[in-house]
Amino acid sequence: MKGKCNCRQVEFEIIGNLPKLYQCHCSLCRKQSGSCSNTATIIPADNIFWLSGKKHITSWKDSSGFRSDFCSICGSPVPNILKESEYYWVPAGLLKDFENEISVHLCVNSKATWDVIN
């Protein structure tokens, strides 16, 4: 399965099965996504291969350890390593043509007041 940012400069491929998705509703994820939540999955680092554009990836890290990697050209969030682990956080919106479902909602106690979770 392949994914890419809006300007198509950062491209990657994921091998293996894609785990179910999650939505995080914390304030950092809301700001990072510009929406009510952040929809993503987590995969082993060995399952992601960068096809192009790694030189265009910029990172921002909060004092809490929250990290956001994004394309320096178009601003799209891109996969990033999770707190020096062996796993990558992968934004679901970058992936093309896949079928999956959201299995869990995280940080619902801090969700936006206007966020309605079905």
PDB file of N, CA and C in Angstrom:
ATOM      1  N   MET A   1       0.850  -1.167   0.000  1.00  0.00           N
ATOM      2  CA  MET A   1       0.000   0.000   0.000  1.00  0.00           C
ATOM      3  C   MET A   1       0.896   1.230   0.000  1.00  0.00           C
ATOM      4  N   LYS A   2       0.556   2.197  -0.836  1.00  0.00           N
ATOM      5  CA  LYS A   2       1.372   3.403  -0.948  1.00  0.00           C
ATOM      6  C   LYS A   2       0.647   4.614  -0.371  1.00  0.00           C
ATOM      7  N   GLY A   3       1.455   5.579   0.021  1.00  0.00           N
ATOM      8  CA  GLY A   3       0.919   6.823   0.544  1.00  0.00           C
ATOM      9  C   GLY A   3       1.796   7.983   0.113  1.00  0.00           C
ATOM     10  N   LYS A   4       1.220   9.185   0.129  1.00  0.00           N
ATOM     11  CA  LYS A   4       1.984  10.373  -0.245  1.00  0.00           C
ATOM     12  C   LYS A   4       1.325  11.622   0.295  1.00  0.00           C
ATOM     13  N   CYS A   5       2.125  12.670   0.375  1.00  0.00           N
ATOM     14  CA  CYS A   5       1.623  13.966   0.838  1.00  0.00           C
ATOM     15  C   CYS A   5       0.874  14.663  -0.307  1.00  0.00           C
ATOM     16  N   ASN A   6       0.324  15.828  -0.019  1.00  0.00           N
ATOM     17  CA  ASN A   6      -0.457  16.561  -1.026  1.00  0.00           C
ATOM     18  C   ASN A   6       0.344  16.912  -2.275  1.00  0.00           C
ATOM     19  N   CYS A   7       1.585  17.348  -2.108  1.00  0.00           N
ATOM     20  CA  CYS A   7       2.378  17.770  -3.272  1.00  0.00           C
ATOM     21  C   CYS A   7       3.106  16.599  -3.937  1.00  0.00           C
ATOM     22  N   ARG A   8       2.959  15.413  -3.362  1.00  0.00           N
ATOM     23  CA  ARG A   8       3.521  14.173  -3.905  1.00  0.00           C
ATOM     24  C   ARG A   8       5.043  14.109  -3.837  1.00  0.00           C
ATOM     25  N   GLN A   9       5.658  14.985  -3.062  1.00  0.00           N
ATOM     26  CA  GLN A   9       7.117  14.955  -2.926  1.00  0.00           C
ATOM     27  C   GLN A   9       7.556  13.882  -1.933  1.00  0.00           C
ATOM     28  N   VAL A  10       6.772  13.649  -0.882  1.00  0.00           N
ATOM     29  CA  VAL A  10       7.071  12.617   0.108  1.00  0.00           C
ATOM     30  C   VAL A  10       6.178  11.417  -0.184  1.00  0.00           C
ATOM     31  N   GLU A  11       6.816  10.303  -0.536  1.00  0.00           N
ATOM     32  CA  GLU A  11       6.076   9.088  -0.847  1.00  0.00           C
ATOM     33  C   GLU A  11       6.669   7.914  -0.080  1.00  0.00           C
ATOM     34  N   PHE A  12       5.802   6.999   0.323  1.00  0.00           N
ATOM     35  CA  PHE A  12       6.243   5.831   1.076  1.00  0.00           C
ATOM     36  C   PHE A  12       5.379   4.645   0.713  1.00  0.00           C
ATOM     37  N   GLU A  13       5.852   3.463   1.104  1.00  0.00           N
ATOM     38  CA  GLU A  13       5.091   2.238   0.885  1.00  0.00           C
ATOM     39  C   GLU A  13       5.072   1.438   2.179  1.00  0.00           C
ATOM     40  N   ILE A  14       3.921   0.829   2.456  1.00  0.00           N
ATOM     41  CA  ILE A  14       3.756  -0.025   3.630  1.00  0.00           C
ATOM     42  C   ILE A  14       3.562  -1.448   3.130  1.00  0.00           C
ATOM     43  N   ILE A  15       4.309  -2.365   3.735  1.00  0.00           N
ATOM     44  CA  ILE A  15       4.115  -3.784   3.404  1.00  0.00           C
ATOM     45  C   ILE A  15       3.408  -4.468   4.570  1.00  0.00           C
ATOM     46  N   GLY A  16       2.763  -5.556   4.280  1.00  0.00           N
ATOM     47  CA  GLY A  16       2.051  -6.301   5.315  1.00  0.00           C
ATOM     48  C   GLY A  16       0.646  -5.775   5.507  1.00  0.00           C
ATOM     49  N   ASN A  17      -0.049  -6.374   6.431  1.00  0.00           N
ATOM     50  CA  ASN A  17      -1.423  -5.973   6.728  1.00  0.00           C
ATOM     51  C   ASN A  17      -1.445  -4.668   7.500  1.00  0.00           C
ATOM     52  N   LEU A  18      -2.400  -3.849   7.183  1.00  0.00           N
ATOM     53  CA  LEU A  18      -2.570  -2.573   7.880  1.00  0.00           C
ATOM     54  C   LEU A  18      -3.451  -2.805   9.100  1.00  0.00           C
ATOM     55  N   PRO A  19      -2.930  -2.487  10.293  1.00  0.00           N
ATOM     56  CA  PRO A  19      -3.768  -2.636  11.503  1.00  0.00           C
ATOM     57  C   PRO A  19      -4.973  -1.704  11.439  1.00  0.00           C
ATOM     58  N   LYS A  20      -5.964  -1.994  12.269  1.00  0.00           N
ATOM     59  CA  LYS A  20      -7.136  -1.122  12.330  1.00  0.00           C
ATOM     60  C   LYS A  20      -6.720   0.287  12.725  1.00  0.00           C
ATOM     61  N   LEU A  21      -7.592   1.229  12.429  1.00  0.00           N
ATOM     62  CA  LEU A  21      -7.310   2.641  12.675  1.00  0.00           C
ATOM     63  C   LEU A  21      -7.769   3.065  14.057  1.00  0.00           C
ATOM     64  N   TYR A  22      -7.211   4.168  14.523  1.00  0.00           N
ATOM     65  CA  TYR A  22      -7.680   4.786  15.752  1.00  0.00           C
ATOM     66  C   TYR A  22      -7.894   6.267  15.489  1.00  0.00           C
ATOM     67  N   GLN A  23      -8.698   6.891  16.311  1.00  0.00           N
ATOM     68  CA  GLN A  23      -8.868   8.337  16.267  1.00  0.00           C
ATOM     69  C   GLN A  23      -8.522   8.883  17.638  1.00  0.00           C
ATOM     70  N   CYS A  24      -7.582   9.823  17.673  1.00  0.00           N
ATOM     71  CA  CYS A  24      -7.217  10.477  18.919  1.00  0.00           C
ATOM     72  C   CYS A  24      -7.855  11.864  18.932  1.00  0.00           C
ATOM     73  N   HIS A  25      -8.495  12.207  20.045  1.00  0.00           N
ATOM     74  CA  HIS A  25      -9.246  13.456  20.166  1.00  0.00           C
ATOM     75  C   HIS A  25      -8.565  14.467  21.093  1.00  0.00           C
ATOM     76  N   CYS A  26      -7.289  14.245  21.460  1.00  0.00           N
ATOM     77  CA  CYS A  26      -6.601  15.181  22.361  1.00  0.00           C
ATOM     78  C   CYS A  26      -6.357  16.516  21.649  1.00  0.00           C
ATOM     79  N   SER A  27      -6.063  17.540  22.422  1.00  0.00           N
ATOM     80  CA  SER A  27      -5.891  18.880  21.845  1.00  0.00           C
ATOM     81  C   SER A  27      -4.702  18.951  20.894  1.00  0.00           C
ATOM     82  N   LEU A  28      -3.627  18.230  21.171  1.00  0.00           N
ATOM     83  CA  LEU A  28      -2.476  18.241  20.266  1.00  0.00           C
ATOM     84  C   LEU A  28      -2.831  17.616  18.919  1.00  0.00           C
ATOM     85  N   CYS A  29      -3.539  16.509  18.944  1.00  0.00           N
ATOM     86  CA  CYS A  29      -3.949  15.858  17.693  1.00  0.00           C
ATOM     87  C   CYS A  29      -4.956  16.709  16.921  1.00  0.00           C
ATOM     88  N   ARG A  30      -5.857  17.378  17.648  1.00  0.00           N
ATOM     89  CA  ARG A  30      -6.816  18.258  16.965  1.00  0.00           C
ATOM     90  C   ARG A  30      -6.078  19.388  16.249  1.00  0.00           C
ATOM     91  N   LYS A  31      -5.118  19.986  16.908  1.00  0.00           N
ATOM     92  CA  LYS A  31      -4.369  21.083  16.282  1.00  0.00           C
ATOM     93  C   LYS A  31      -3.513  20.582  15.125  1.00  0.00           C
ATOM     94  N   GLN A  32      -2.925  19.401  15.298  1.00  0.00           N
ATOM     95  CA  GLN A  32      -2.081  18.836  14.251  1.00  0.00           C
ATOM     96  C   GLN A  32      -2.885  18.526  13.002  1.00  0.00           C
ATOM     97  N   SER A  33      -4.126  18.061  13.190  1.00  0.00           N
ATOM     98  CA  SER A  33      -4.947  17.681  12.044  1.00  0.00           C
ATOM     99  C   SER A  33      -5.825  18.814  11.533  1.00  0.00           C
ATOM    100  N   GLY A  34      -6.084  19.805  12.392  1.00  0.00           N
ATOM    101  CA  GLY A  34      -6.996  20.872  12.005  1.00  0.00           C
ATOM    102  C   GLY A  34      -8.440  20.412  12.013  1.00  0.00           C
ATOM    103  N   SER A  35      -8.712  19.344  12.750  1.00  0.00           N
ATOM    104  CA  SER A  35     -10.049  18.745  12.768  1.00  0.00           C
ATOM    105  C   SER A  35     -10.384  18.292  14.180  1.00  0.00           C
ATOM    106  N   CYS A  36     -11.443  17.496  14.309  1.00  0.00           N
ATOM    107  CA  CYS A  36     -11.874  17.033  15.634  1.00  0.00           C
ATOM    108  C   CYS A  36     -10.987  15.920  16.171  1.00  0.00           C
ATOM    109  N   SER A  37     -10.209  15.281  15.302  1.00  0.00           N
ATOM    110  CA  SER A  37      -9.373  14.169  15.738  1.00  0.00           C
ATOM    111  C   SER A  37      -8.283  13.890  14.708  1.00  0.00           C
ATOM    112  N   ASN A  38      -7.473  12.935  15.050  1.00  0.00           N
ATOM    113  CA  ASN A  38      -6.384  12.499  14.197  1.00  0.00           C
ATOM    114  C   ASN A  38      -6.634  11.014  13.937  1.00  0.00           C
ATOM    115  N   THR A  39      -6.809  10.632  12.700  1.00  0.00           N
ATOM    116  CA  THR A  39      -7.048   9.234  12.358  1.00  0.00           C
ATOM    117  C   THR A  39      -5.763   8.643  11.811  1.00  0.00           C
ATOM    118  N   ALA A  40      -5.320   7.563  12.424  1.00  0.00           N
ATOM    119  CA  ALA A  40      -4.026   6.989  12.039  1.00  0.00           C
ATOM    120  C   ALA A  40      -3.978   5.512  12.393  1.00  0.00           C
ATOM    121  N   THR A  41      -2.845   4.915  12.063  1.00  0.00           N
ATOM    122  CA  THR A  41      -2.544   3.552  12.468  1.00  0.00           C
ATOM    123  C   THR A  41      -1.086   3.514  12.891  1.00  0.00           C
ATOM    124  N   ILE A  42      -0.707   2.433  13.505  1.00  0.00           N
ATOM    125  CA  ILE A  42       0.669   2.261  13.949  1.00  0.00           C
ATOM    126  C   ILE A  42       1.192   0.970  13.341  1.00  0.00           C
ATOM    127  N   ILE A  43       2.372   1.052  12.722  1.00  0.00           N
ATOM    128  CA  ILE A  43       2.957  -0.120  12.066  1.00  0.00           C
ATOM    129  C   ILE A  43       4.403  -0.301  12.515  1.00  0.00           C
ATOM    130  N   PRO A  44       4.922  -1.521  12.416  1.00  0.00           N
ATOM    131  CA  PRO A  44       6.336  -1.734  12.725  1.00  0.00           C
ATOM    132  C   PRO A  44       7.229  -0.952  11.749  1.00  0.00           C
ATOM    133  N   ALA A  45       8.323  -0.432  12.253  1.00  0.00           N
ATOM    134  CA  ALA A  45       9.241   0.358  11.424  1.00  0.00           C
ATOM    135  C   ALA A  45       9.759  -0.440  10.223  1.00  0.00           C
ATOM    136  N   ASP A  46       9.878  -1.743  10.384  1.00  0.00           N
ATOM    137  CA  ASP A  46      10.359  -2.589   9.279  1.00  0.00           C
ATOM    138  C   ASP A  46       9.360  -2.673   8.130  1.00  0.00           C
ATOM    139  N   ASN A  47       8.134  -2.216   8.340  1.00  0.00           N
ATOM    140  CA  ASN A  47       7.086  -2.331   7.314  1.00  0.00           C
ATOM    141  C   ASN A  47       6.902  -1.067   6.490  1.00  0.00           C
ATOM    142  N   ILE A  48       7.726  -0.032   6.710  1.00  0.00           N
ATOM    143  CA  ILE A  48       7.594   1.192   5.924  1.00  0.00           C
ATOM    144  C   ILE A  48       8.881   1.439   5.145  1.00  0.00           C
ATOM    145  N   PHE A  49       8.703   1.811   3.894  1.00  0.00           N
ATOM    146  CA  PHE A  49       9.829   2.102   3.015  1.00  0.00           C
ATOM    147  C   PHE A  49       9.594   3.465   2.364  1.00  0.00           C
ATOM    148  N   TRP A  50      10.576   4.333   2.471  1.00  0.00           N
ATOM    149  CA  TRP A  50      10.477   5.667   1.887  1.00  0.00           C
ATOM    150  C   TRP A  50      10.843   5.582   0.418  1.00  0.00           C
ATOM    151  N   LEU A  51       9.957   6.039  -0.440  1.00  0.00           N
ATOM    152  CA  LEU A  51      10.180   6.001  -1.884  1.00  0.00           C
ATOM    153  C   LEU A  51      10.806   7.296  -2.382  1.00  0.00           C
ATOM    154  N   SER A  52      10.431   8.413  -1.761  1.00  0.00           N
ATOM    155  CA  SER A  52      11.013   9.703  -2.149  1.00  0.00           C
ATOM    156  C   SER A  52      10.683  10.767  -1.113  1.00  0.00           C
ATOM    157  N   GLY A  53      11.473  11.820  -1.112  1.00  0.00           N
ATOM    158  CA  GLY A  53      11.155  13.026  -0.374  1.00  0.00           C
ATOM    159  C   GLY A  53      11.539  13.108   1.084  1.00  0.00           C
ATOM    160  N   LYS A  54      12.326  12.170   1.602  1.00  0.00           N
ATOM    161  CA  LYS A  54      12.695  12.252   3.022  1.00  0.00           C
ATOM    162  C   LYS A  54      13.359  13.591   3.349  1.00  0.00           C
ATOM    163  N   LYS A  55      14.044  14.176   2.380  1.00  0.00           N
ATOM    164  CA  LYS A  55      14.728  15.459   2.609  1.00  0.00           C
ATOM    165  C   LYS A  55      13.731  16.595   2.834  1.00  0.00           C
ATOM    166  N   HIS A  56      12.473  16.384   2.474  1.00  0.00           N
ATOM    167  CA  HIS A  56      11.444  17.417   2.641  1.00  0.00           C
ATOM    168  C   HIS A  56      10.683  17.296   3.966  1.00  0.00           C
ATOM    169  N   ILE A  57      11.048  16.319   4.799  1.00  0.00           N
ATOM    170  CA  ILE A  57      10.327  16.117   6.065  1.00  0.00           C
ATOM    171  C   ILE A  57      10.923  16.993   7.160  1.00  0.00           C
ATOM    172  N   THR A  58      10.060  17.745   7.824  1.00  0.00           N
ATOM    173  CA  THR A  58      10.419  18.595   8.952  1.00  0.00           C
ATOM    174  C   THR A  58       9.677  18.080  10.176  1.00  0.00           C
ATOM    175  N   SER A  59      10.302  18.215  11.347  1.00  0.00           N
ATOM    176  CA  SER A  59       9.696  17.720  12.587  1.00  0.00           C
ATOM    177  C   SER A  59       9.485  18.848  13.581  1.00  0.00           C
ATOM    178  N   TRP A  60       8.439  18.671  14.388  1.00  0.00           N
ATOM    179  CA  TRP A  60       8.192  19.541  15.541  1.00  0.00           C
ATOM    180  C   TRP A  60       7.899  18.626  16.707  1.00  0.00           C
ATOM    181  N   LYS A  61       8.497  18.913  17.864  1.00  0.00           N
ATOM    182  CA  LYS A  61       8.296  18.065  19.033  1.00  0.00           C
ATOM    183  C   LYS A  61       7.898  18.930  20.219  1.00  0.00           C
ATOM    184  N   ASP A  62       6.840  18.497  20.896  1.00  0.00           N
ATOM    185  CA  ASP A  62       6.340  19.164  22.095  1.00  0.00           C
ATOM    186  C   ASP A  62       7.106  18.640  23.316  1.00  0.00           C
ATOM    187  N   SER A  63       7.106  19.407  24.393  1.00  0.00           N
ATOM    188  CA  SER A  63       7.799  18.980  25.619  1.00  0.00           C
ATOM    189  C   SER A  63       7.228  17.684  26.187  1.00  0.00           C
ATOM    190  N   SER A  64       5.991  17.343  25.824  1.00  0.00           N
ATOM    191  CA  SER A  64       5.371  16.095  26.294  1.00  0.00           C
ATOM    192  C   SER A  64       5.906  14.874  25.547  1.00  0.00           C
ATOM    193  N   GLY A  65       6.613  15.094  24.450  1.00  0.00           N
ATOM    194  CA  GLY A  65       7.083  14.000  23.609  1.00  0.00           C
ATOM    195  C   GLY A  65       6.280  13.849  22.338  1.00  0.00           C
ATOM    196  N   PHE A  66       5.140  14.547  22.243  1.00  0.00           N
ATOM    197  CA  PHE A  66       4.324  14.527  21.023  1.00  0.00           C
ATOM    198  C   PHE A  66       5.188  15.044  19.883  1.00  0.00           C
ATOM    199  N   ARG A  67       5.161  14.329  18.785  1.00  0.00           N
ATOM    200  CA  ARG A  67       5.969  14.718  17.633  1.00  0.00           C
ATOM    201  C   ARG A  67       5.088  14.777  16.403  1.00  0.00           C
ATOM    202  N   SER A  68       5.331  15.764  15.585  1.00  0.00           N
ATOM    203  CA  SER A  68       4.612  15.902  14.328  1.00  0.00           C
ATOM    204  C   SER A  68       5.635  16.080  13.212  1.00  0.00           C
ATOM    205  N   ASP A  69       5.624  15.163  12.269  1.00  0.00           N
ATOM    206  CA  ASP A  69       6.470  15.284  11.077  1.00  0.00           C
ATOM    207  C   ASP A  69       5.557  15.703   9.939  1.00  0.00           C
ATOM    208  N   PHE A  70       6.071  16.562   9.074  1.00  0.00           N
ATOM    209  CA  PHE A  70       5.253  17.066   7.977  1.00  0.00           C
ATOM    210  C   PHE A  70       6.119  17.426   6.796  1.00  0.00           C
ATOM    211  N   CYS A  71       5.506  17.475   5.623  1.00  0.00           N
ATOM    212  CA  CYS A  71       6.198  17.870   4.404  1.00  0.00           C
ATOM    213  C   CYS A  71       6.462  19.361   4.475  1.00  0.00           C
ATOM    214  N   SER A  72       7.712  19.752   4.277  1.00  0.00           N
ATOM    215  CA  SER A  72       8.075  21.174   4.358  1.00  0.00           C
ATOM    216  C   SER A  72       7.572  21.966   3.151  1.00  0.00           C
ATOM    217  N   ILE A  73       7.091  21.287   2.135  1.00  0.00           N
ATOM    218  CA  ILE A  73       6.577  21.979   0.947  1.00  0.00           C
ATOM    219  C   ILE A  73       5.070  22.233   1.070  1.00  0.00           C
ATOM    220  N   CYS A  74       4.295  21.175   1.331  1.00  0.00           N
ATOM    221  CA  CYS A  74       2.828  21.327   1.354  1.00  0.00           C
ATOM    222  C   CYS A  74       2.228  21.312   2.758  1.00  0.00           C
ATOM    223  N   GLY A  75       2.986  20.914   3.757  1.00  0.00           N
ATOM    224  CA  GLY A  75       2.489  20.908   5.129  1.00  0.00           C
ATOM    225  C   GLY A  75       1.720  19.664   5.545  1.00  0.00           C
ATOM    226  N   SER A  76       1.550  18.690   4.662  1.00  0.00           N
ATOM    227  CA  SER A  76       0.834  17.463   5.015  1.00  0.00           C
ATOM    228  C   SER A  76       1.570  16.723   6.124  1.00  0.00           C
ATOM    229  N   PRO A  77       0.832  16.202   7.117  1.00  0.00           N
ATOM    230  CA  PRO A  77       1.494  15.353   8.106  1.00  0.00           C
ATOM    231  C   PRO A  77       1.973  14.080   7.413  1.00  0.00           C
ATOM    232  N   VAL A  78       3.110  13.558   7.837  1.00  0.00           N
ATOM    233  CA  VAL A  78       3.658  12.334   7.247  1.00  0.00           C
ATOM    234  C   VAL A  78       4.021  11.369   8.374  1.00  0.00           C
ATOM    235  N   PRO A  79       4.231  10.093   8.050  1.00  0.00           N
ATOM    236  CA  PRO A  79       4.565   9.128   9.092  1.00  0.00           C
ATOM    237  C   PRO A  79       5.780   9.561   9.910  1.00  0.00           C
ATOM    238  N   ASN A  80       5.748   9.248  11.198  1.00  0.00           N
ATOM    239  CA  ASN A  80       6.912   9.515  12.034  1.00  0.00           C
ATOM    240  C   ASN A  80       7.098   8.425  13.073  1.00  0.00           C
ATOM    241  N   ILE A  81       8.336   8.262  13.481  1.00  0.00           N
ATOM    242  CA  ILE A  81       8.680   7.247  14.472  1.00  0.00           C
ATOM    243  C   ILE A  81       8.080   7.642  15.816  1.00  0.00           C
ATOM    244  N   LEU A  82       7.542   6.697  16.538  1.00  0.00           N
ATOM    245  CA  LEU A  82       6.893   6.958  17.823  1.00  0.00           C
ATOM    246  C   LEU A  82       7.907   6.921  18.961  1.00  0.00           C
ATOM    247  N   LYS A  83       8.196   8.055  19.526  1.00  0.00           N
ATOM    248  CA  LYS A  83       9.031   8.184  20.732  1.00  0.00           C
ATOM    249  C   LYS A  83      10.199   7.207  20.775  1.00  0.00           C
ATOM    250  N   GLU A  84      11.015   7.224  19.754  1.00  0.00           N
ATOM    251  CA  GLU A  84      12.223   6.392  19.695  1.00  0.00           C
ATOM    252  C   GLU A  84      11.925   4.900  19.841  1.00  0.00           C
ATOM    253  N   SER A  85      10.764   4.487  19.359  1.00  0.00           N
ATOM    254  CA  SER A  85      10.390   3.068  19.400  1.00  0.00           C
ATOM    255  C   SER A  85      10.707   2.436  18.052  1.00  0.00           C
ATOM    256  N   GLU A  86      10.191   1.266  17.846  1.00  0.00           N
ATOM    257  CA  GLU A  86      10.355   0.589  16.561  1.00  0.00           C
ATOM    258  C   GLU A  86       9.038   0.578  15.784  1.00  0.00           C
ATOM    259  N   TYR A  87       8.229   1.631  16.008  1.00  0.00           N
ATOM    260  CA  TYR A  87       6.933   1.741  15.355  1.00  0.00           C
ATOM    261  C   TYR A  87       6.752   3.122  14.750  1.00  0.00           C
ATOM    262  N   TYR A  88       5.992   3.149  13.661  1.00  0.00           N
ATOM    263  CA  TYR A  88       5.654   4.408  12.997  1.00  0.00           C
ATOM    264  C   TYR A  88       4.177   4.713  13.168  1.00  0.00           C
ATOM    265  N   TRP A  89       3.892   5.980  13.399  1.00  0.00           N
ATOM    266  CA  TRP A  89       2.538   6.522  13.361  1.00  0.00           C
ATOM    267  C   TRP A  89       2.298   6.909  11.904  1.00  0.00           C
ATOM    268  N   VAL A  90       1.197   6.455  11.328  1.00  0.00           N
ATOM    269  CA  VAL A  90       0.909   6.721   9.910  1.00  0.00           C
ATOM    270  C   VAL A  90      -0.470   7.361   9.785  1.00  0.00           C
ATOM    271  N   PRO A  91      -0.537   8.626   9.310  1.00  0.00           N
ATOM    272  CA  PRO A  91      -1.829   9.285   9.112  1.00  0.00           C
ATOM    273  C   PRO A  91      -2.636   8.564   8.029  1.00  0.00           C
ATOM    274  N   ALA A  92      -3.852   8.186   8.344  1.00  0.00           N
ATOM    275  CA  ALA A  92      -4.676   7.408   7.417  1.00  0.00           C
ATOM    276  C   ALA A  92      -5.006   8.172   6.138  1.00  0.00           C
ATOM    277  N   GLY A  93      -5.114   9.482   6.221  1.00  0.00           N
ATOM    278  CA  GLY A  93      -5.479  10.269   5.048  1.00  0.00           C
ATOM    279  C   GLY A  93      -4.452  10.258   3.928  1.00  0.00           C
ATOM    280  N   LEU A  94      -3.232   9.805   4.203  1.00  0.00           N
ATOM    281  CA  LEU A  94      -2.189   9.741   3.181  1.00  0.00           C
ATOM    282  C   LEU A  94      -2.269   8.489   2.337  1.00  0.00           C
ATOM    283  N   LEU A  95      -2.994   7.493   2.817  1.00  0.00           N
ATOM    284  CA  LEU A  95      -3.038   6.191   2.156  1.00  0.00           C
ATOM    285  C   LEU A  95      -4.121   6.151   1.096  1.00  0.00           C
ATOM    286  N   LYS A  96      -3.810   5.455   0.029  1.00  0.00           N
ATOM    287  CA  LYS A  96      -4.739   5.396  -1.102  1.00  0.00           C
ATOM    288  C   LYS A  96      -5.390   4.027  -1.196  1.00  0.00           C
ATOM    289  N   ASP A  97      -6.699   4.046  -1.434  1.00  0.00           N
ATOM    290  CA  ASP A  97      -7.443   2.827  -1.748  1.00  0.00           C
ATOM    291  C   ASP A  97      -7.229   1.696  -0.751  1.00  0.00           C
ATOM    292  N   PHE A  98      -7.720   1.885   0.443  1.00  0.00           N
ATOM    293  CA  PHE A  98      -7.659   0.814   1.413  1.00  0.00           C
ATOM    294  C   PHE A  98      -8.988   0.731   2.141  1.00  0.00           C
ATOM    295  N   GLU A  99      -9.270  -0.435   2.630  1.00  0.00           N
ATOM    296  CA  GLU A  99     -10.482  -0.635   3.425  1.00  0.00           C
ATOM    297  C   GLU A  99     -10.051  -0.975   4.833  1.00  0.00           C
ATOM    298  N   ASN A 100     -10.549  -0.229   5.774  1.00  0.00           N
ATOM    299  CA  ASN A 100     -10.221  -0.457   7.164  1.00  0.00           C
ATOM    300  C   ASN A 100     -11.296   0.203   8.004  1.00  0.00           C
ATOM    301  N   GLU A 101     -11.243  -0.003   9.299  1.00  0.00           N
ATOM    302  CA  GLU A 101     -12.236   0.614  10.164  1.00  0.00           C
ATOM    303  C   GLU A 101     -11.566   1.176  11.407  1.00  0.00           C
ATOM    304  N   ILE A 102     -12.228   2.128  12.013  1.00  0.00           N
ATOM    305  CA  ILE A 102     -11.742   2.707  13.254  1.00  0.00           C
ATOM    306  C   ILE A 102     -12.124   1.752  14.377  1.00  0.00           C
ATOM    307  N   SER A 103     -11.129   1.326  15.130  1.00  0.00           N
ATOM    308  CA  SER A 103     -11.390   0.358  16.188  1.00  0.00           C
ATOM    309  C   SER A 103     -11.443   0.982  17.571  1.00  0.00           C
ATOM    310  N   VAL A 104     -10.868   2.175  17.728  1.00  0.00           N
ATOM    311  CA  VAL A 104     -10.846   2.783  19.052  1.00  0.00           C
ATOM    312  C   VAL A 104     -10.767   4.308  18.938  1.00  0.00           C
ATOM    313  N   HIS A 105     -11.391   4.972  19.874  1.00  0.00           N
ATOM    314  CA  HIS A 105     -11.298   6.429  20.014  1.00  0.00           C
ATOM    315  C   HIS A 105     -10.491   6.699  21.277  1.00  0.00           C
ATOM    316  N   LEU A 106      -9.439   7.507  21.142  1.00  0.00           N
ATOM    317  CA  LEU A 106      -8.556   7.815  22.264  1.00  0.00           C
ATOM    318  C   LEU A 106      -8.786   9.236  22.765  1.00  0.00           C
ATOM    319  N   CYS A 107      -8.479   9.457  24.032  1.00  0.00           N
ATOM    320  CA  CYS A 107      -8.538  10.789  24.664  1.00  0.00           C
ATOM    321  C   CYS A 107      -9.898  11.459  24.504  1.00  0.00           C
ATOM    322  N   VAL A 108     -10.949  10.674  24.617  1.00  0.00           N
ATOM    323  CA  VAL A 108     -12.287  11.232  24.448  1.00  0.00           C
ATOM    324  C   VAL A 108     -12.671  12.178  25.585  1.00  0.00           C
ATOM    325  N   ASN A 109     -12.024  12.072  26.730  1.00  0.00           N
ATOM    326  CA  ASN A 109     -12.315  12.993  27.831  1.00  0.00           C
ATOM    327  C   ASN A 109     -11.855  14.415  27.540  1.00  0.00           C
ATOM    328  N   SER A 110     -10.926  14.557  26.596  1.00  0.00           N
ATOM    329  CA  SER A 110     -10.459  15.900  26.253  1.00  0.00           C
ATOM    330  C   SER A 110     -10.903  16.333  24.851  1.00  0.00           C
ATOM    331  N   LYS A 111     -11.905  15.660  24.305  1.00  0.00           N
ATOM    332  CA  LYS A 111     -12.378  16.016  22.965  1.00  0.00           C
ATOM    333  C   LYS A 111     -13.002  17.408  22.954  1.00  0.00           C
ATOM    334  N   ALA A 112     -13.079  17.994  21.783  1.00  0.00           N
ATOM    335  CA  ALA A 112     -13.706  19.300  21.616  1.00  0.00           C
ATOM    336  C   ALA A 112     -15.193  19.198  21.963  1.00  0.00           C
ATOM    337  N   THR A 113     -15.746  20.259  22.489  1.00  0.00           N
ATOM    338  CA  THR A 113     -17.162  20.246  22.882  1.00  0.00           C
ATOM    339  C   THR A 113     -18.082  20.018  21.685  1.00  0.00           C
ATOM    340  N   TRP A 114     -17.639  20.386  20.497  1.00  0.00           N
ATOM    341  CA  TRP A 114     -18.461  20.245  19.297  1.00  0.00           C
ATOM    342  C   TRP A 114     -18.253  18.908  18.600  1.00  0.00           C
ATOM    343  N   ASP A 115     -17.378  18.074  19.138  1.00  0.00           N
ATOM    344  CA  ASP A 115     -17.066  16.757  18.550  1.00  0.00           C
ATOM    345  C   ASP A 115     -18.098  15.739  19.009  1.00  0.00           C
ATOM    346  N   VAL A 116     -18.791  15.113  18.072  1.00  0.00           N
ATOM    347  CA  VAL A 116     -19.764  14.071  18.372  1.00  0.00           C
ATOM    348  C   VAL A 116     -19.219  12.753  17.833  1.00  0.00           C
ATOM    349  N   ILE A 117     -18.976  11.821  18.727  1.00  0.00           N
ATOM    350  CA  ILE A 117     -18.440  10.520  18.336  1.00  0.00           C
ATOM    351  C   ILE A 117     -19.600   9.541  18.193  1.00  0.00           C
ATOM    352  N   ASN A 118     -19.723   8.935  17.018  1.00  0.00           N
ATOM    353  CA  ASN A 118     -20.814   7.966  16.774  1.00  0.00           C
ATOM    354  C   ASN A 118     -20.522   6.650  17.452  1.00  0.00           C
TER     355      ASN A 118
END
